[in-house]
Amino acid sequence: MVQVTRKDEKEANENIIRRFNRKVLQSGVLSNAKTSMRFQKPISKTERRSKAIIRKQRKAQKLSKARLGVR
């Protein structure tokens, strides 16, 4: 966890925010959170490809219907 010291008497708020942001970046908390957000379960290449093909087909159908004015 990130530990930040308290505000000094004459320290500006911008300096406190800058110091806090630097400590958070150095601790690696944000990078760990971002990697956990992008985590994907390991699946085979063929399954991934087939899902991508299905997505592209659905998107093409949606665009063609939009061009025709059909919902």
C-alpha atoms as a PDB file:
ATOM      1  CA  MET A   1       0.000   0.000   0.000  1.00  0.00           C
ATOM      2  CA  VAL A   2       1.131   3.541  -0.648  1.00  0.00           C
ATOM      3  CA  GLN A   3       2.197   5.582   2.355  1.00  0.00           C
ATOM      4  CA  VAL A   4       2.171   9.342   2.008  1.00  0.00           C
ATOM      5  CA  THR A   5       3.444  11.752   4.605  1.00  0.00           C
ATOM      6  CA  ARG A   6       1.235  14.512   5.904  1.00  0.00           C
ATOM      7  CA  LYS A   7       1.058  18.014   4.492  1.00  0.00           C
ATOM      8  CA  ASP A   8       3.677  20.473   5.683  1.00  0.00           C
ATOM      9  CA  GLU A   9       2.462  23.827   6.955  1.00  0.00           C
ATOM     10  CA  LYS A  10       3.634  25.842   3.929  1.00  0.00           C
ATOM     11  CA  GLU A  11       3.273  23.166   1.270  1.00  0.00           C
ATOM     12  CA  ALA A  12       0.983  23.878  -1.680  1.00  0.00           C
ATOM     13  CA  ASN A  13      -1.850  21.503  -2.603  1.00  0.00           C
ATOM     14  CA  GLU A  14      -0.353  20.927  -6.072  1.00  0.00           C
ATOM     15  CA  ASN A  15       2.845  19.646  -4.483  1.00  0.00           C
ATOM     16  CA  ILE A  16       0.906  17.214  -2.316  1.00  0.00           C
ATOM     17  CA  ILE A  17      -0.971  15.848  -5.330  1.00  0.00           C
ATOM     18  CA  ARG A  18       2.242  15.576  -7.343  1.00  0.00           C
ATOM     19  CA  ARG A  19       3.987  13.742  -4.494  1.00  0.00           C
ATOM     20  CA  PHE A  20       1.038  11.369  -4.045  1.00  0.00           C
ATOM     21  CA  ASN A  21       0.885  10.588  -7.782  1.00  0.00           C
ATOM     22  CA  ARG A  22       4.608   9.882  -7.884  1.00  0.00           C
ATOM     23  CA  LYS A  23       4.372   7.475  -4.927  1.00  0.00           C
ATOM     24  CA  VAL A  24       1.408   5.663  -6.494  1.00  0.00           C
ATOM     25  CA  LEU A  25       3.262   5.260  -9.800  1.00  0.00           C
ATOM     26  CA  GLN A  26       6.407   4.020  -8.071  1.00  0.00           C
ATOM     27  CA  SER A  27       4.494   1.497  -5.980  1.00  0.00           C
ATOM     28  CA  GLY A  28       3.009  -0.186  -9.078  1.00  0.00           C
ATOM     29  CA  VAL A  29      -0.566  -0.257  -7.772  1.00  0.00           C
ATOM     30  CA  LEU A  30      -2.018   1.230 -10.955  1.00  0.00           C
ATOM     31  CA  SER A  31      -0.126  -1.094 -13.279  1.00  0.00           C
ATOM     32  CA  ASN A  32      -1.338  -4.127 -11.322  1.00  0.00           C
ATOM     33  CA  ALA A  33      -4.921  -2.896 -11.474  1.00  0.00           C
ATOM     34  CA  LYS A  34      -4.724  -2.276 -15.220  1.00  0.00           C
ATOM     35  CA  THR A  35      -3.272  -5.710 -15.935  1.00  0.00           C
ATOM     36  CA  SER A  36      -6.022  -7.365 -13.895  1.00  0.00           C
ATOM     37  CA  MET A  37      -8.636  -5.430 -15.882  1.00  0.00           C
ATOM     38  CA  ARG A  38      -7.259  -6.774 -19.155  1.00  0.00           C
ATOM     39  CA  PHE A  39      -6.911 -10.380 -18.008  1.00  0.00           C
ATOM     40  CA  GLN A  40      -8.260 -12.952 -20.437  1.00  0.00           C
ATOM     41  CA  LYS A  41      -8.706 -16.607 -19.779  1.00  0.00           C
ATOM     42  CA  PRO A  42      -6.321 -18.697 -21.848  1.00  0.00           C
ATOM     43  CA  ILE A  43      -8.206 -20.109 -24.851  1.00  0.00           C
ATOM     44  CA  SER A  44      -7.012 -21.801 -27.992  1.00  0.00           C
ATOM     45  CA  LYS A  45      -6.110 -19.872 -31.122  1.00  0.00           C
ATOM     46  CA  THR A  46      -8.825 -21.559 -33.155  1.00  0.00           C
ATOM     47  CA  GLU A  47     -11.512 -20.595 -30.651  1.00  0.00           C
ATOM     48  CA  ARG A  48     -10.238 -17.011 -30.554  1.00  0.00           C
ATOM     49  CA  ARG A  49     -10.241 -16.845 -34.360  1.00  0.00           C
ATOM     50  CA  SER A  50     -13.729 -18.279 -34.643  1.00  0.00           C
ATOM     51  CA  LYS A  51     -15.053 -15.723 -32.145  1.00  0.00           C
ATOM     52  CA  ALA A  52     -13.366 -12.931 -34.092  1.00  0.00           C
ATOM     53  CA  ILE A  53     -14.957 -14.141 -37.335  1.00  0.00           C
ATOM     54  CA  ILE A  54     -18.388 -14.202 -35.701  1.00  0.00           C
ATOM     55  CA  ARG A  55     -17.875 -10.664 -34.362  1.00  0.00           C
ATOM     56  CA  LYS A  56     -16.890  -9.393 -37.804  1.00  0.00           C
ATOM     57  CA  GLN A  57     -19.911 -11.046 -39.415  1.00  0.00           C
ATOM     58  CA  ARG A  58     -22.301  -9.549 -36.860  1.00  0.00           C
ATOM     59  CA  LYS A  59     -20.764  -6.118 -37.307  1.00  0.00           C
ATOM     60  CA  ALA A  60     -21.091  -6.387 -41.102  1.00  0.00           C
ATOM     61  CA  GLN A  61     -24.752  -7.431 -40.772  1.00  0.00           C
ATOM     62  CA  LYS A  62     -25.429  -4.524 -38.438  1.00  0.00           C
ATOM     63  CA  LEU A  63     -23.812  -2.043 -40.834  1.00  0.00           C
ATOM     64  CA  SER A  64     -25.698  -3.401 -43.824  1.00  0.00           C
ATOM     65  CA  LYS A  65     -29.003  -3.134 -41.965  1.00  0.00           C
ATOM     66  CA  ALA A  66     -28.145   0.415 -40.925  1.00  0.00           C
ATOM     67  CA  ARG A  67     -27.462   1.344 -44.548  1.00  0.00           C
ATOM     68  CA  LEU A  68     -30.833  -0.058 -45.577  1.00  0.00           C
ATOM     69  CA  GLY A  69     -32.604   1.681 -42.710  1.00  0.00           C
ATOM     70  CA  VAL A  70     -33.823  -1.565 -41.151  1.00  0.00           C
ATOM     71  CA  ARG A  71     -33.460  -2.226 -37.470  1.00  0.00           C
END
